[in-house]
Protein backbone atom coordinates (compact mmCIF):
# COMPACT_ATOMS: atom_id res chain seq x y z
CA MET A 1 70.12 81.93 76.94
CA GLU A 2 67.63 81.60 74.55
CA ASN A 3 67.67 82.13 71.00
CA SER A 4 71.29 82.40 71.22
CA ASN A 5 71.96 79.72 68.63
CA ASP A 6 69.24 81.58 66.48
CA ASN A 7 71.02 82.85 63.53
CA LYS A 8 69.03 86.54 64.17
CA TYR A 9 70.27 87.41 67.21
CA GLU A 10 74.15 88.05 68.60
CA LEU A 11 75.56 88.36 71.72
CA ALA A 12 77.76 91.15 73.41
CA THR A 13 79.27 90.94 76.59
CA PHE A 14 81.01 93.81 78.48
CA ALA A 15 82.65 94.08 81.93
CA GLY A 16 82.00 98.29 82.88
CA GLY A 17 82.28 97.83 87.03
CA CYS A 18 79.23 97.48 88.67
CA PHE A 19 76.70 95.75 86.58
CA TRP A 20 73.61 97.44 87.96
CA CYS A 21 74.65 100.41 85.79
CA MET A 22 75.44 99.00 82.73
CA VAL A 23 71.78 97.83 82.36
CA LYS A 24 69.25 100.66 81.85
CA PRO A 25 72.05 102.36 79.08
CA PHE A 26 71.43 98.75 76.40
CA HIS A 27 67.73 98.84 77.55
CA LYS A 28 66.30 101.38 76.10
CA TRP A 29 67.89 100.67 72.36
CA ASP A 30 65.57 99.27 69.91
CA GLY A 31 66.88 95.68 68.89
CA VAL A 32 67.99 94.80 72.06
CA LYS A 33 65.53 91.84 73.21
CA GLN A 34 67.53 90.80 76.71
CA VAL A 35 70.28 92.35 79.09
CA LEU A 36 71.46 89.59 81.92
CA SER A 37 73.79 91.11 84.63
CA GLY A 38 76.18 88.29 85.55
CA TYR A 39 79.79 87.04 85.91
CA THR A 40 82.71 86.09 83.04
CA GLY A 41 86.06 85.92 82.72
CA GLY A 42 86.89 83.47 85.98
CA HIS A 43 88.11 80.36 87.07
CA THR A 44 84.87 79.38 89.15
CA GLU A 45 81.90 77.33 88.34
CA ASN A 46 78.40 78.83 88.82
CA PRO A 47 79.77 81.83 91.17
CA THR A 48 77.65 83.94 94.12
CA TYR A 49 77.70 87.88 93.96
CA LYS A 50 79.61 87.37 97.60
CA GLU A 51 82.72 84.72 95.77
CA VAL A 52 83.13 87.53 93.00
CA CYS A 53 82.91 90.08 95.06
CA SER A 54 85.77 88.56 97.31
CA ASP A 55 88.05 88.86 94.26
CA THR A 56 88.92 85.20 94.85
CA THR A 57 87.04 83.81 91.45
CA GLY A 58 89.12 85.67 88.54
CA HIS A 59 85.33 87.07 87.23
CA TYR A 60 84.29 90.49 86.33
CA GLU A 61 81.00 91.46 87.25
CA ALA A 62 80.22 92.02 83.20
CA VAL A 63 76.46 92.00 81.35
CA GLN A 64 76.06 89.82 78.34
CA ILE A 65 72.93 91.76 75.55
CA THR A 66 71.44 89.50 73.35
CA PHE A 67 70.76 92.29 70.02
CA ASP A 68 69.30 91.76 66.74
CA PRO A 69 71.74 92.93 64.48
CA ASN A 70 69.52 94.32 61.67
CA ILE A 71 68.14 96.56 64.04
CA ILE A 72 71.19 97.57 66.28
CA SER A 73 74.98 97.18 65.14
CA TYR A 74 77.67 95.62 67.04
CA LYS A 75 79.21 99.07 66.62
CA THR A 76 76.19 101.13 68.23
CA ILE A 77 76.32 98.44 71.05
CA LEU A 78 80.14 99.57 71.36
CA GLU A 79 79.69 103.22 71.40
CA VAL A 80 77.05 102.47 74.08
CA PHE A 81 79.55 100.51 76.43
CA TRP A 82 82.65 103.55 75.77
CA GLU A 83 80.12 105.90 77.20
CA GLN A 84 79.10 104.27 80.57
CA ILE A 85 82.99 103.56 81.63
CA ASP A 86 86.00 105.11 82.70
CA PRO A 87 87.90 103.43 79.97
CA THR A 88 91.38 104.93 81.77
CA ASP A 89 90.35 103.65 85.20
CA ALA A 90 92.71 99.74 85.11
CA SER A 91 91.59 99.40 89.47
CA GLY A 92 87.54 99.43 88.97
CA GLN A 93 84.98 101.41 87.88
CA PHE A 94 84.33 104.81 89.85
CA GLY A 95 83.79 103.78 93.96
CA ASP A 96 84.14 99.96 93.11
CA ARG A 97 87.43 99.10 93.34
CA GLY A 98 88.73 95.34 92.53
CA SER A 99 89.50 92.67 89.96
CA SER A 100 85.71 91.91 89.83
CA TYR A 101 85.00 95.84 88.62
CA GLN A 102 87.65 96.35 86.13
CA THR A 103 86.06 96.75 82.46
CA ALA A 104 86.22 94.65 79.96
CA ILE A 105 84.87 93.96 75.69
CA PHE A 106 84.54 90.04 75.55
CA TYR A 107 84.29 89.31 71.86
CA HIS A 108 81.99 86.52 70.47
CA ASN A 109 83.53 86.55 67.18
CA GLU A 110 86.37 87.90 65.10
CA GLU A 111 84.39 90.75 63.39
CA GLN A 112 83.42 91.72 67.17
CA LYS A 113 87.06 91.63 68.12
CA LYS A 114 88.03 93.73 64.89
CA GLN A 115 85.14 96.33 65.61
CA ALA A 116 86.28 96.64 69.38
CA GLU A 117 89.87 97.16 68.59
CA GLU A 118 89.06 100.05 65.78
CA SER A 119 86.64 101.26 68.02
CA LYS A 120 89.07 101.53 71.20
CA LYS A 121 92.10 102.69 68.30
CA GLU A 122 89.22 105.64 67.79
CA LEU A 123 88.45 106.43 71.03
CA ASP A 124 92.29 106.45 72.45
CA GLY A 125 93.14 109.01 69.50
CA SER A 126 90.03 111.30 69.81
CA GLY A 127 91.58 113.23 72.93
CA ARG A 128 88.46 112.46 74.64
CA PHE A 129 90.25 111.36 77.83
CA SER A 130 93.71 112.66 79.10
CA GLY A 131 94.91 109.22 79.89
CA PRO A 132 95.36 105.98 77.91
CA ILE A 133 92.25 103.52 76.93
CA VAL A 134 93.14 100.53 79.13
CA THR A 135 90.03 98.79 78.94
CA PRO A 136 91.07 94.88 77.45
CA ILE A 137 89.84 93.24 74.85
CA LEU A 138 89.13 89.57 75.43
CA PRO A 139 87.52 85.95 74.40
CA ALA A 140 84.28 85.86 75.53
CA GLN A 141 83.91 82.61 77.99
CA LYS A 142 81.49 80.79 79.54
CA PHE A 143 78.48 83.44 81.35
CA TRP A 144 77.13 82.52 84.37
CA PRO A 145 73.53 84.70 85.21
CA ALA A 146 73.63 86.48 88.95
CA GLU A 147 71.58 85.99 91.02
CA GLU A 148 67.66 86.89 90.10
CA TYR A 149 67.83 90.34 92.60
CA HIS A 150 70.34 91.33 90.39
CA GLN A 151 68.47 91.85 86.99
CA ASP A 152 66.94 94.88 86.00
CA TYR A 153 68.00 96.38 89.42
CA TYR A 154 67.45 99.41 88.25
CA GLN A 155 63.81 99.21 87.86
CA LYS A 156 63.25 96.77 90.64
CA ASN A 157 64.89 99.11 93.31
CA PRO A 158 64.87 102.51 91.18
CA ALA A 159 66.28 105.11 94.49
CA HIS A 160 68.69 102.81 95.53
CA TYR A 161 70.06 102.30 91.61
CA LYS A 162 69.34 106.38 91.50
CA MET A 163 71.66 106.84 94.62
CA TYR A 164 74.46 104.47 94.13
CA SER A 165 74.54 105.63 90.49
CA ILE A 166 75.09 109.52 91.53
CA GLY A 167 76.92 108.53 94.74
CA SER A 168 79.37 106.38 93.37
CA GLY A 169 80.66 109.48 90.55
CA ARG A 170 79.67 107.28 87.45
CA VAL A 171 76.75 109.80 86.46
CA GLY A 172 79.23 112.30 86.89
CA PHE A 173 82.08 111.38 85.17
CA ILE A 174 79.95 110.31 81.79
CA GLU A 175 78.64 114.21 82.10
CA GLN A 176 81.79 115.39 82.22
CA HIS A 177 82.71 113.02 79.17
CA TRP A 178 79.73 112.62 77.03
CA ARG A 179 77.74 115.96 77.53
CA ASP A 180 78.31 117.06 74.21
CA LYS A 181 77.45 114.06 72.32
CA LYS A 182 74.24 114.23 74.65
CA LYS A 183 73.20 117.19 73.50
CA ALA A 184 73.62 116.50 70.01
């Protein structure tokens, strides 16, 4: 990842179900330099989309965000993440089922781990969801960028992206659970 060793930028890595739907929400924030779709958390070197979808590699579909913490905080990045997922579903996300579509926060340092745990506890106690928050907080592992046709999918295929995000149930879920925050 370019500039990942540059002290100006930090990485945040999240699994939130289909990675197509996890890019756009982060792109619109000042301070976000790049959002890559990819795979992490598994045991297969340089996995393909087909391999990951077979649920045999141990990988999650994920996004890796390069951001400037002087412009956008990790806490804000976490809030954006929580508002894109159903954190009570341990079997996948919306229309996508299986281990590759489960949610997770992958922390890159102890401060990110601490903030992720605090945000999860806060969300769990908020009463916003009827069930417990089951999204795990895990140490970051090797991140493999997905094939080029998956990158920035919402920009390359806007009609299909819109149809998919609505048809999967994601848009309706977000509207139902975060409506009050969207109006603020």
